[in-house]
Amino acid sequence: MGDTGSLALGGALGAIAVSTQHEIVLGIIGGLFVVEAMSVIIQVFFYKRTGKRVFKMAPIHHHFEQMGWSEPTVVIRFWIISFVLALAGLSTLKLR
């Protein structure tokens, strides 16, 4: 999709979440993306402060690949996590 399309889509989802007052739900549903972004932030912050790395490589999916997991294994496990988070987020919505 590229940076332009993904940023536009993310901005649209964020605007919809704010306008419908479901910001927390968006954070839960997109929890895997939050974890990926936070892994990079943690890695850079910690490396600049101490010179040591928290993960073998950031973002976190590369860390798992460096640990010996095959790429299909990482992808399938992340799909499962995304599916569970999506169900958890959708279960918090109130139906009218």
Protein backbone atom coordinates (compact mmCIF):
# COMPACT_ATOMS: atom_id res chain seq x y z
CA MET A 1 0.00 0.00 0.00
CA GLY A 2 2.85 2.38 0.69
CA ASP A 3 3.26 5.21 3.16
CA THR A 4 0.75 7.55 1.57
CA GLY A 5 -2.11 5.05 1.44
CA SER A 6 -1.46 3.60 4.88
CA LEU A 7 -1.19 7.02 6.51
CA ALA A 8 -4.42 8.15 4.85
CA LEU A 9 -6.19 4.97 5.93
CA GLY A 10 -4.87 5.27 9.48
CA GLY A 11 -5.88 8.92 9.65
CA ALA A 12 -9.37 8.06 8.42
CA LEU A 13 -9.73 5.29 11.00
CA GLY A 14 -8.49 7.62 13.72
CA ALA A 15 -10.93 10.36 12.69
CA ILE A 16 -13.82 7.89 12.66
CA ALA A 17 -12.82 6.59 16.10
CA VAL A 18 -12.66 10.12 17.53
CA SER A 19 -15.95 11.18 15.96
CA THR A 20 -17.73 8.08 17.32
CA GLN A 21 -15.89 8.30 20.68
CA HIS A 22 -14.34 4.82 20.34
CA GLU A 23 -10.65 5.69 20.63
CA ILE A 24 -9.94 2.91 23.14
CA VAL A 25 -11.64 0.34 20.90
CA LEU A 26 -9.42 1.38 17.99
CA GLY A 27 -6.37 0.92 20.23
CA ILE A 28 -7.52 -2.57 21.16
CA ILE A 29 -8.40 -3.62 17.62
CA GLY A 30 -5.12 -2.24 16.30
CA GLY A 31 -3.18 -3.56 19.28
CA LEU A 32 -0.63 -5.40 17.19
CA PHE A 33 0.23 -2.21 15.31
CA VAL A 34 0.59 -0.44 18.65
CA VAL A 35 2.97 -3.17 19.87
CA GLU A 36 5.02 -2.95 16.65
CA ALA A 37 5.34 0.83 16.96
CA MET A 38 6.11 0.68 20.68
CA SER A 39 8.85 -1.91 20.11
CA VAL A 40 10.67 0.53 17.84
CA ILE A 41 10.19 3.43 20.28
CA ILE A 42 11.47 1.32 23.19
CA GLN A 43 14.44 0.03 21.19
CA VAL A 44 15.56 3.50 20.06
CA PHE A 45 15.01 5.12 23.47
CA PHE A 46 16.79 2.39 25.40
CA TYR A 47 19.69 2.19 22.92
CA LYS A 48 20.26 5.95 23.05
CA ARG A 49 20.21 5.94 26.87
CA THR A 50 22.31 2.82 27.57
CA GLY A 51 23.92 1.68 24.33
CA LYS A 52 22.28 -1.74 24.77
CA ARG A 53 19.40 -3.27 22.87
CA VAL A 54 16.15 -4.58 24.35
CA PHE A 55 15.29 -6.63 21.25
CA LYS A 56 17.63 -8.33 18.83
CA MET A 57 16.05 -6.22 16.10
CA ALA A 58 13.11 -3.85 15.91
CA PRO A 59 10.23 -3.91 14.97
CA ILE A 60 9.32 -6.89 17.11
CA HIS A 61 8.49 -9.25 14.24
CA HIS A 62 12.16 -9.12 13.19
CA HIS A 63 13.15 -9.98 16.76
CA PHE A 64 11.17 -13.20 16.51
CA GLU A 65 12.77 -14.00 13.15
CA GLN A 66 16.21 -13.46 14.70
CA MET A 67 15.23 -15.90 17.45
CA GLY A 68 14.81 -18.60 14.82
CA TRP A 69 11.10 -18.44 14.00
CA SER A 70 10.35 -18.78 10.31
CA GLU A 71 8.58 -15.90 8.61
CA PRO A 72 5.35 -17.88 8.00
CA THR A 73 5.26 -18.80 11.70
CA VAL A 74 5.56 -15.15 12.72
CA VAL A 75 2.90 -14.09 10.22
CA ILE A 76 0.40 -16.77 11.26
CA ARG A 77 0.88 -16.04 14.97
CA PHE A 78 0.44 -12.33 14.36
CA TRP A 79 -2.76 -13.09 12.40
CA ILE A 80 -4.06 -15.04 15.38
CA ILE A 81 -3.17 -12.22 17.77
CA SER A 82 -4.83 -9.67 15.46
CA PHE A 83 -7.96 -11.80 15.22
CA VAL A 84 -8.20 -12.17 19.01
CA LEU A 85 -7.65 -8.44 19.53
CA ALA A 86 -10.27 -7.61 16.88
CA LEU A 87 -12.80 -9.84 18.62
CA ALA A 88 -11.91 -8.33 22.00
CA GLY A 89 -12.31 -4.81 20.65
CA LEU A 90 -15.58 -5.57 18.91
CA SER A 91 -16.95 -7.23 22.04
CA THR A 92 -16.53 -3.95 23.93
CA LEU A 93 -18.78 -2.03 21.53
CA LYS A 94 -22.27 -1.20 22.70
CA LEU A 95 -25.00 -2.02 20.25
CA ARG A 96 -27.96 0.31 20.15
